[in-house]
Amino acid sequence: MAERLKKIMIVFCILIVWPFHIGGAEETGGENSLWRELNKTSDTVLNYVKEGHYDEAKQILDKFSNQFLAIRASDYHLSMSELRVITTTFDEAMEATVAVSMSHEDRVAHVSKLRLLVDVYDTSHQPLWHETKNSLVQPLLLMQEAVTEGDVEAYERALHRFLKNFDTVSPAWSVGLPIETYQQISAQLEYLKSIKEINGSNISDHLNLIEDQLHSIYDGSEDSSSDPSLIWVMLTIGGAILFSLSYTGWQKYRAEREKEKKLKRKRRKI
């Protein structure tokens, strides 16, 4: 019985320690190490483009392409949709380094897409897209103000800025947010683009709805750290271990009592 209890305790200890061990391995090597290198490369490319060194940025992107092939050719659990998003975003970034007619602002925007997207897969820190909140909220507030004042031109300028900034963060969101959340915010923006007149309460209500959705995304309501299923597993395993330890202690106590009784009987006989 004691040997069996020991085995049970070992199994439960493994169940607790093993996930953290695996997580640590992923953080220090394997898949995440490759994504970390890609993340550094995309950051270097973005800095070169910001400084206007487009040729140097293209050379670094060639290196990125070779690194990405190492991931794409391996089993890193990327869906076809993710591969399509990454490939499309990479092609846009590459075009930004060679397109002579493209403005510097658009070049930076295209490469920023790639930077934010790749960063999602580097799990060593919080995704960079969390730092883009003002780039979307501020033009949205200007749109709301323009609607209140009936200023069509101001509204169109703010809308253009808002959609452009959303386009920059969109690839990262498409792989980093729950699919339902991403589809919801995308549908809201499609409806927003279909509105032709800024007069009326419907557009104000819709802008407020989008603002609420943005705050929900950026303020971490999608956080899964309090996942009920995870808590249930932790409580179940913890309870089982506590029961096992308690039962083992009780068995040990019972054995000690039996031993004492036997010693007393022997003394009485003597």
Protein backbone atom coordinates (compact mmCIF):
# COMPACT_ATOMS: atom_id res chain seq x y z
CA MET A 1 0.00 0.00 0.00
CA ALA A 2 2.80 2.42 0.92
CA GLU A 3 4.59 1.75 -2.36
CA ARG A 4 1.40 2.41 -4.29
CA LEU A 5 0.88 5.71 -2.49
CA LYS A 6 4.41 6.76 -3.33
CA LYS A 7 3.73 6.10 -7.00
CA ILE A 8 0.53 8.15 -6.83
CA MET A 9 2.38 11.07 -5.25
CA ILE A 10 5.09 10.91 -7.91
CA VAL A 11 2.50 10.99 -10.68
CA PHE A 12 0.75 14.05 -9.21
CA CYS A 13 4.06 15.84 -8.69
CA ILE A 14 4.92 15.23 -12.33
CA LEU A 15 1.53 16.60 -13.40
CA ILE A 16 2.26 19.83 -11.53
CA VAL A 17 5.90 20.27 -12.45
CA TRP A 18 5.77 19.02 -16.04
CA PRO A 19 3.78 21.90 -17.61
CA PHE A 20 6.14 24.46 -16.09
CA HIS A 21 9.14 22.47 -17.25
CA ILE A 22 7.81 22.30 -20.77
CA GLY A 23 7.02 26.01 -20.71
CA GLY A 24 10.55 26.80 -19.60
CA ALA A 25 11.96 24.69 -22.41
CA GLU A 26 9.90 26.56 -24.96
CA GLU A 27 11.06 29.88 -23.59
CA THR A 28 14.74 29.02 -23.78
CA GLY A 29 14.95 27.14 -27.06
CA GLY A 30 13.17 25.39 -29.88
CA GLU A 31 10.35 27.18 -31.58
CA ASN A 32 10.42 30.38 -29.56
CA SER A 33 14.16 30.88 -30.08
CA LEU A 34 13.56 30.94 -33.85
CA TRP A 35 10.68 33.38 -33.49
CA ARG A 36 12.85 35.53 -31.24
CA GLU A 37 15.49 35.72 -33.96
CA LEU A 38 12.83 36.61 -36.52
CA ASN A 39 11.52 39.26 -34.15
CA LYS A 40 14.98 40.81 -33.82
CA THR A 41 15.38 40.74 -37.58
CA SER A 42 12.03 42.46 -38.17
CA ASP A 43 12.98 45.13 -35.62
CA THR A 44 16.26 45.76 -37.45
CA VAL A 45 14.42 46.05 -40.76
CA LEU A 46 11.96 48.56 -39.30
CA ASN A 47 14.78 50.71 -37.88
CA TYR A 48 16.56 50.73 -41.25
CA VAL A 49 13.36 51.77 -43.04
CA LYS A 50 12.66 54.53 -40.52
CA GLU A 51 16.16 55.87 -41.18
CA GLY A 52 15.64 55.68 -44.94
CA HIS A 53 18.16 52.88 -45.50
CA TYR A 54 15.91 50.88 -47.82
CA ASP A 55 18.63 48.84 -49.53
CA GLU A 56 20.01 47.67 -46.20
CA ALA A 57 16.47 46.83 -45.06
CA LYS A 58 15.95 44.67 -48.18
CA GLN A 59 19.15 42.74 -47.49
CA ILE A 60 18.00 42.04 -43.94
CA LEU A 61 14.59 40.94 -45.24
CA ASP A 62 16.34 38.36 -47.41
CA LYS A 63 17.84 36.98 -44.21
CA PHE A 64 14.36 37.03 -42.65
CA SER A 65 13.05 34.98 -45.57
CA ASN A 66 15.66 32.28 -44.98
CA GLN A 67 14.87 32.22 -41.24
CA PHE A 68 11.15 31.99 -41.87
CA LEU A 69 11.63 29.07 -44.25
CA ALA A 70 13.21 27.17 -41.35
CA ILE A 71 10.00 27.65 -39.39
CA ARG A 72 7.57 27.11 -42.25
CA ALA A 73 9.28 23.88 -43.25
CA SER A 74 9.01 22.51 -39.72
CA ASP A 75 6.08 21.43 -37.58
CA TYR A 76 5.45 24.64 -35.63
CA HIS A 77 1.65 24.35 -35.62
CA LEU A 78 1.06 27.23 -38.03
CA SER A 79 -2.30 27.09 -39.74
CA MET A 80 -2.71 27.81 -43.43
CA SER A 81 -4.39 31.07 -42.49
CA GLU A 82 -1.41 32.11 -40.38
CA LEU A 83 1.03 31.19 -43.14
CA ARG A 84 -1.00 33.24 -45.58
CA VAL A 85 -1.05 36.27 -43.28
CA ILE A 86 2.69 36.08 -42.61
CA THR A 87 3.57 35.59 -46.28
CA THR A 88 1.34 38.45 -47.44
CA THR A 89 2.67 40.80 -44.77
CA PHE A 90 6.27 39.85 -45.61
CA ASP A 91 5.65 40.54 -49.32
CA GLU A 92 4.25 43.98 -48.47
CA ALA A 93 7.30 44.74 -46.31
CA MET A 94 9.63 43.63 -49.10
CA GLU A 95 7.76 45.82 -51.58
CA ALA A 96 8.14 48.76 -49.21
CA THR A 97 11.94 48.50 -49.47
CA VAL A 98 12.02 48.53 -53.29
CA ALA A 99 8.99 50.57 -54.42
CA VAL A 100 10.45 53.92 -55.53
CA SER A 101 7.05 55.63 -55.77
CA MET A 102 5.96 54.66 -52.24
CA SER A 103 6.08 57.41 -49.62
CA HIS A 104 8.32 57.06 -46.60
CA GLU A 105 5.28 57.00 -44.32
CA ASP A 106 3.74 54.10 -46.23
CA ARG A 107 7.05 52.23 -46.23
CA VAL A 108 7.22 52.49 -42.45
CA ALA A 109 3.58 51.41 -42.12
CA HIS A 110 4.10 48.28 -44.25
CA VAL A 111 7.20 47.19 -42.35
CA SER A 112 5.51 47.99 -39.02
CA LYS A 113 2.85 45.44 -39.95
CA LEU A 114 5.50 42.75 -40.17
CA ARG A 115 7.14 43.89 -36.95
CA LEU A 116 3.90 43.69 -34.94
CA LEU A 117 2.88 40.39 -36.55
CA VAL A 118 6.13 38.53 -35.89
CA ASP A 119 6.27 39.90 -32.35
CA VAL A 120 3.04 38.06 -31.51
CA TYR A 121 4.87 34.75 -31.85
CA ASP A 122 7.74 35.78 -29.57
CA THR A 123 6.22 34.76 -26.26
CA SER A 124 9.04 36.12 -24.09
CA HIS A 125 7.14 39.39 -23.53
CA GLN A 126 3.79 41.11 -23.99
CA PRO A 127 2.97 41.70 -27.67
CA LEU A 128 3.98 45.13 -29.00
CA TRP A 129 0.53 45.74 -30.44
CA HIS A 130 -0.61 46.51 -26.88
CA GLU A 131 1.32 49.78 -27.24
CA THR A 132 -0.72 50.92 -30.27
CA LYS A 133 -3.88 51.86 -28.39
CA ASN A 134 -3.55 55.63 -28.85
CA SER A 135 -2.99 55.24 -32.60
CA LEU A 136 -6.57 53.93 -32.87
CA VAL A 137 -8.39 55.61 -30.00
CA GLN A 138 -7.20 59.14 -30.75
CA PRO A 139 -8.47 59.29 -34.37
CA LEU A 140 -11.69 57.61 -33.23
CA LEU A 141 -12.23 60.41 -30.70
CA LEU A 142 -11.59 62.96 -33.45
CA MET A 143 -14.21 61.22 -35.57
CA GLN A 144 -16.72 61.44 -32.72
CA GLU A 145 -15.93 65.13 -32.27
CA ALA A 146 -16.31 65.77 -36.01
CA VAL A 147 -19.70 64.03 -36.03
CA THR A 148 -20.88 66.21 -33.15
CA GLU A 149 -19.77 69.37 -34.98
CA GLY A 150 -20.95 68.17 -38.38
CA ASP A 151 -17.47 68.66 -39.86
CA VAL A 152 -17.34 66.26 -42.79
CA GLU A 153 -13.75 67.02 -43.82
CA ALA A 154 -12.40 66.54 -40.29
CA TYR A 155 -14.32 63.29 -40.07
CA GLU A 156 -12.88 62.00 -43.36
CA ARG A 157 -9.32 62.86 -42.28
CA ALA A 158 -9.73 61.12 -38.93
CA LEU A 159 -11.39 58.12 -40.58
CA HIS A 160 -8.53 57.76 -43.06
CA ARG A 161 -6.00 57.89 -40.24
CA PHE A 162 -7.97 55.40 -38.17
CA LEU A 163 -8.33 52.85 -40.99
CA LYS A 164 -4.67 53.19 -41.92
CA ASN A 165 -3.57 52.53 -38.34
CA PHE A 166 -5.96 49.61 -38.07
CA ASP A 167 -4.48 48.16 -41.26
CA THR A 168 -1.06 48.26 -39.59
CA VAL A 169 -2.14 46.30 -36.51
CA SER A 170 -4.63 44.05 -38.30
CA PRO A 171 -2.24 41.17 -39.20
CA ALA A 172 -1.05 40.91 -35.57
CA TRP A 173 -4.65 40.91 -34.35
CA SER A 174 -5.70 38.29 -36.89
CA VAL A 175 -3.35 35.76 -35.27
CA GLY A 176 -3.15 37.14 -31.73
CA LEU A 177 -6.79 37.70 -30.82
CA PRO A 178 -9.57 35.12 -30.48
CA ILE A 179 -11.08 34.65 -33.93
CA GLU A 180 -14.51 35.83 -32.72
CA THR A 181 -13.07 39.09 -31.38
CA TYR A 182 -11.13 39.80 -34.56
CA GLN A 183 -14.12 39.07 -36.78
CA GLN A 184 -16.31 41.29 -34.64
CA ILE A 185 -14.04 44.35 -34.79
CA SER A 186 -13.44 43.78 -38.52
CA ALA A 187 -17.19 43.65 -39.20
CA GLN A 188 -17.70 46.85 -37.23
CA LEU A 189 -15.09 48.61 -39.35
CA GLU A 190 -16.62 47.35 -42.59
CA TYR A 191 -19.95 48.80 -41.53
CA LEU A 192 -18.22 52.06 -40.58
CA LYS A 193 -16.69 52.35 -44.05
CA SER A 194 -20.12 51.82 -45.63
CA ILE A 195 -21.64 54.86 -43.86
CA LYS A 196 -21.87 57.77 -46.29
CA GLU A 197 -23.53 60.44 -44.11
CA ILE A 198 -22.24 61.54 -40.72
CA ASN A 199 -25.55 63.06 -39.68
CA GLY A 200 -27.75 61.00 -37.40
CA SER A 201 -27.37 59.10 -34.16
CA ASN A 202 -26.58 55.75 -35.77
CA ILE A 203 -23.00 56.69 -36.58
CA SER A 204 -22.41 58.08 -33.09
CA ASP A 205 -23.72 54.89 -31.57
CA HIS A 206 -21.51 52.82 -33.85
CA LEU A 207 -18.42 54.86 -33.02
CA ASN A 208 -19.15 54.36 -29.31
CA LEU A 209 -19.51 50.62 -29.93
CA ILE A 210 -16.12 50.50 -31.66
CA GLU A 211 -14.53 52.50 -28.85
CA ASP A 212 -15.88 50.07 -26.26
CA GLN A 213 -14.54 47.15 -28.30
CA LEU A 214 -11.08 48.76 -28.52
CA HIS A 215 -10.95 49.33 -24.78
CA SER A 216 -12.01 45.72 -24.26
CA ILE A 217 -9.16 44.50 -26.47
CA TYR A 218 -6.43 46.76 -25.12
CA ASP A 219 -7.40 46.63 -21.45
CA GLY A 220 -6.84 42.89 -21.36
CA SER A 221 -10.35 41.48 -21.11
CA GLU A 222 -9.10 38.74 -23.45
CA ASP A 223 -6.62 37.68 -20.75
CA SER A 224 -6.82 33.92 -20.14
CA SER A 225 -4.84 33.88 -16.90
CA SER A 226 -8.05 33.28 -14.98
CA ASP A 227 -9.30 30.56 -17.30
CA PRO A 228 -11.89 28.59 -15.29
CA SER A 229 -10.73 25.29 -16.81
CA LEU A 230 -7.16 25.99 -15.72
CA ILE A 231 -8.28 26.87 -12.20
CA TRP A 232 -10.40 23.69 -12.08
CA VAL A 233 -7.41 21.57 -13.10
CA MET A 234 -5.18 23.22 -10.49
CA LEU A 235 -7.77 22.71 -7.75
CA THR A 236 -8.40 19.12 -8.79
CA ILE A 237 -4.72 18.19 -8.83
CA GLY A 238 -4.03 20.14 -5.65
CA GLY A 239 -6.94 18.49 -3.88
CA ALA A 240 -5.83 15.05 -4.99
CA ILE A 241 -2.30 15.66 -3.74
CA LEU A 242 -3.59 17.00 -0.43
CA PHE A 243 -5.78 13.92 -0.06
CA SER A 244 -2.86 11.66 -0.93
CA LEU A 245 -0.57 13.35 1.58
CA SER A 246 -3.27 13.28 4.25
CA TYR A 247 -3.97 9.60 3.64
CA THR A 248 -0.27 8.79 3.76
CA GLY A 249 0.09 10.69 7.03
CA TRP A 250 -2.89 8.89 8.50
CA GLN A 251 -1.50 5.50 7.45
CA LYS A 252 1.83 6.40 9.00
CA TYR A 253 0.13 7.51 12.21
CA ARG A 254 -1.90 4.30 12.30
CA ALA A 255 1.23 2.20 11.79
CA GLU A 256 2.99 4.03 14.61
CA ARG A 257 0.02 3.40 16.93
CA GLU A 258 0.00 -0.30 16.08
CA LYS A 259 3.72 -0.45 16.74
CA GLU A 260 3.27 1.19 20.14
CA LYS A 261 0.48 -1.24 21.05
CA LYS A 262 2.68 -4.22 20.17
CA LEU A 263 5.52 -2.86 22.31
CA LYS A 264 3.14 -2.38 25.26
CA ARG A 265 1.90 -5.97 24.92
CA LYS A 266 5.44 -7.30 24.92
CA ARG A 267 6.28 -5.29 28.05
CA ARG A 268 3.23 -6.63 29.84
CA LYS A 269 4.23 -10.20 29.07
CA ILE A 270 7.71 -9.57 30.44
